[in-house]
N, C-alpha and C. Protein backbone atom coordinates (compact mmCIF):
# COMPACT_ATOMS: atom_id res chain seq x y z
N MET A 1 0.85 -1.18 0.00
CA MET A 1 0.00 0.00 0.00
C MET A 1 0.89 1.24 0.00
N GLU A 2 0.59 2.14 -0.89
CA GLU A 2 1.35 3.39 -0.98
C GLU A 2 0.65 4.46 -0.14
N PHE A 3 1.40 5.07 0.76
CA PHE A 3 0.83 6.09 1.63
C PHE A 3 1.07 7.47 1.01
N ASN A 4 0.12 7.91 0.20
CA ASN A 4 0.16 9.26 -0.32
C ASN A 4 -0.79 10.11 0.52
N LEU A 5 -0.95 11.37 0.17
CA LEU A 5 -1.74 12.28 0.99
C LEU A 5 -3.21 11.86 1.14
N PRO A 6 -3.93 11.49 0.07
CA PRO A 6 -5.33 11.09 0.26
C PRO A 6 -5.50 9.84 1.13
N VAL A 7 -4.63 8.85 0.96
CA VAL A 7 -4.72 7.62 1.76
C VAL A 7 -4.43 7.93 3.22
N THR A 8 -3.40 8.72 3.47
CA THR A 8 -3.04 9.07 4.84
C THR A 8 -4.15 9.87 5.51
N ALA A 9 -4.73 10.83 4.80
CA ALA A 9 -5.82 11.63 5.37
C ALA A 9 -7.04 10.77 5.65
N ALA A 10 -7.34 9.83 4.77
CA ALA A 10 -8.49 8.95 4.98
C ALA A 10 -8.29 8.06 6.19
N ILE A 11 -7.07 7.55 6.38
CA ILE A 11 -6.79 6.70 7.54
C ILE A 11 -6.91 7.51 8.83
N LEU A 12 -6.35 8.73 8.84
CA LEU A 12 -6.44 9.59 10.02
C LEU A 12 -7.89 9.93 10.35
N LEU A 13 -8.67 10.30 9.35
CA LEU A 13 -10.08 10.62 9.58
C LEU A 13 -10.87 9.39 10.02
N GLY A 14 -10.52 8.23 9.50
CA GLY A 14 -11.19 7.00 9.91
C GLY A 14 -10.93 6.66 11.37
N ILE A 15 -9.69 6.85 11.81
CA ILE A 15 -9.36 6.58 13.21
C ILE A 15 -10.09 7.56 14.12
N VAL A 16 -10.13 8.83 13.75
CA VAL A 16 -10.82 9.84 14.57
C VAL A 16 -12.33 9.57 14.56
N ALA A 17 -12.88 9.19 13.42
CA ALA A 17 -14.32 8.88 13.35
C ALA A 17 -14.66 7.67 14.21
N ALA A 18 -13.80 6.65 14.20
CA ALA A 18 -14.05 5.47 15.03
C ALA A 18 -13.99 5.83 16.52
N GLY A 19 -13.04 6.64 16.91
CA GLY A 19 -12.95 7.08 18.30
C GLY A 19 -14.14 7.92 18.72
N THR A 20 -14.57 8.80 17.84
CA THR A 20 -15.74 9.64 18.13
C THR A 20 -16.99 8.78 18.25
N ALA A 21 -17.17 7.85 17.34
CA ALA A 21 -18.35 6.97 17.38
C ALA A 21 -18.35 6.12 18.65
N ALA A 22 -17.18 5.66 19.06
CA ALA A 22 -17.11 4.85 20.28
C ALA A 22 -17.47 5.68 21.51
N LEU A 23 -16.95 6.90 21.59
CA LEU A 23 -17.26 7.74 22.75
C LEU A 23 -18.74 8.13 22.79
N VAL A 24 -19.31 8.44 21.63
CA VAL A 24 -20.73 8.79 21.58
C VAL A 24 -21.58 7.55 21.90
N GLY A 25 -21.18 6.41 21.36
CA GLY A 25 -21.94 5.18 21.57
C GLY A 25 -21.92 4.68 23.00
N MET A 26 -20.81 4.89 23.70
CA MET A 26 -20.72 4.45 25.08
C MET A 26 -21.54 5.32 26.02
N GLY A 27 -21.78 6.56 25.62
CA GLY A 27 -22.52 7.46 26.48
C GLY A 27 -21.72 7.91 27.69
N PHE A 28 -20.41 7.83 27.58
CA PHE A 28 -19.53 8.18 28.68
C PHE A 28 -19.54 9.68 28.95
N MET A 29 -19.65 10.47 27.88
CA MET A 29 -19.68 11.93 27.99
C MET A 29 -20.87 12.44 27.20
N ALA A 30 -21.21 13.68 27.41
CA ALA A 30 -22.26 14.29 26.61
C ALA A 30 -21.80 14.38 25.15
N THR A 31 -22.72 14.17 24.24
CA THR A 31 -22.38 14.20 22.81
C THR A 31 -21.81 15.55 22.41
N SER A 32 -22.35 16.63 22.96
CA SER A 32 -21.84 17.96 22.60
C SER A 32 -20.39 18.13 23.05
N THR A 33 -20.04 17.56 24.19
CA THR A 33 -18.66 17.63 24.67
C THR A 33 -17.73 16.85 23.76
N VAL A 34 -18.16 15.68 23.34
CA VAL A 34 -17.34 14.87 22.44
C VAL A 34 -17.13 15.59 21.12
N LEU A 35 -18.19 16.13 20.55
CA LEU A 35 -18.08 16.75 19.23
C LEU A 35 -17.39 18.10 19.24
N MET A 36 -17.52 18.84 20.33
CA MET A 36 -16.95 20.19 20.35
C MET A 36 -15.55 20.25 20.97
N MET A 37 -15.19 19.28 21.80
CA MET A 37 -13.90 19.35 22.47
C MET A 37 -12.99 18.16 22.16
N VAL A 38 -13.52 16.96 22.23
CA VAL A 38 -12.67 15.78 22.11
C VAL A 38 -12.28 15.52 20.66
N THR A 39 -13.23 15.56 19.76
CA THR A 39 -12.93 15.27 18.35
C THR A 39 -11.92 16.26 17.75
N PRO A 40 -12.09 17.58 17.95
CA PRO A 40 -11.04 18.49 17.44
C PRO A 40 -9.68 18.23 18.07
N SER A 41 -9.66 17.87 19.36
CA SER A 41 -8.39 17.57 20.02
C SER A 41 -7.74 16.33 19.40
N MET A 42 -8.55 15.31 19.09
CA MET A 42 -8.01 14.11 18.45
C MET A 42 -7.43 14.45 17.08
N LEU A 43 -8.11 15.30 16.32
CA LEU A 43 -7.61 15.69 15.00
C LEU A 43 -6.29 16.45 15.10
N VAL A 44 -6.22 17.40 16.02
CA VAL A 44 -4.99 18.19 16.17
C VAL A 44 -3.84 17.30 16.61
N PHE A 45 -4.08 16.45 17.62
CA PHE A 45 -3.02 15.55 18.08
C PHE A 45 -2.59 14.60 16.96
N GLY A 46 -3.55 14.07 16.21
CA GLY A 46 -3.22 13.17 15.11
C GLY A 46 -2.37 13.85 14.05
N LEU A 47 -2.70 15.09 13.72
CA LEU A 47 -1.90 15.83 12.72
C LEU A 47 -0.50 16.11 13.23
N ILE A 48 -0.38 16.51 14.50
CA ILE A 48 0.95 16.77 15.06
C ILE A 48 1.78 15.49 15.08
N ALA A 49 1.19 14.39 15.52
CA ALA A 49 1.91 13.12 15.55
C ALA A 49 2.29 12.67 14.15
N LEU A 50 1.41 12.87 13.18
CA LEU A 50 1.71 12.51 11.79
C LEU A 50 2.87 13.32 11.26
N LEU A 51 2.85 14.63 11.47
CA LEU A 51 3.93 15.48 10.97
C LEU A 51 5.26 15.15 11.64
N LEU A 52 5.25 14.93 12.96
CA LEU A 52 6.49 14.54 13.63
C LEU A 52 6.99 13.19 13.12
N GLY A 53 6.09 12.26 12.89
CA GLY A 53 6.49 10.96 12.36
C GLY A 53 7.09 11.04 10.97
N VAL A 54 6.50 11.87 10.13
CA VAL A 54 7.03 12.04 8.77
C VAL A 54 8.42 12.67 8.82
N LYS A 55 8.56 13.71 9.65
CA LYS A 55 9.86 14.37 9.75
C LYS A 55 10.92 13.44 10.33
N HIS A 56 10.54 12.63 11.30
CA HIS A 56 11.49 11.68 11.86
C HIS A 56 11.87 10.62 10.84
N GLY A 57 10.90 10.18 10.05
CA GLY A 57 11.19 9.23 8.99
C GLY A 57 12.13 9.81 7.94
N GLU A 58 11.93 11.08 7.60
CA GLU A 58 12.83 11.73 6.65
C GLU A 58 14.24 11.84 7.22
N TYR A 59 14.32 12.16 8.51
CA TYR A 59 15.63 12.24 9.17
C TYR A 59 16.33 10.89 9.16
N ARG A 60 15.58 9.83 9.50
CA ARG A 60 16.18 8.49 9.55
C ARG A 60 16.60 8.01 8.15
N ALA A 61 15.85 8.43 7.14
CA ALA A 61 16.18 7.99 5.78
C ALA A 61 17.43 8.66 5.23
N THR A 62 17.76 9.84 5.73
CA THR A 62 18.92 10.55 5.22
C THR A 62 20.17 10.30 6.04
N ARG A 63 20.09 9.60 7.16
CA ARG A 63 21.26 9.37 8.01
C ARG A 63 21.83 8.02 7.77
């Protein structure tokens, strides 16, 4: 599988959607809290982790 931008974005959104669906389905928190606070936090953390991972991979590939 080739990880280009559309595939990577789809995988990231799928993971966040699965996490959001699980939290809403469990009823652990209010749905508004999950959608307004938790889901955006998951997206931001996922993007930061993805960018750091890509940069680390580029560093490792050039050393």
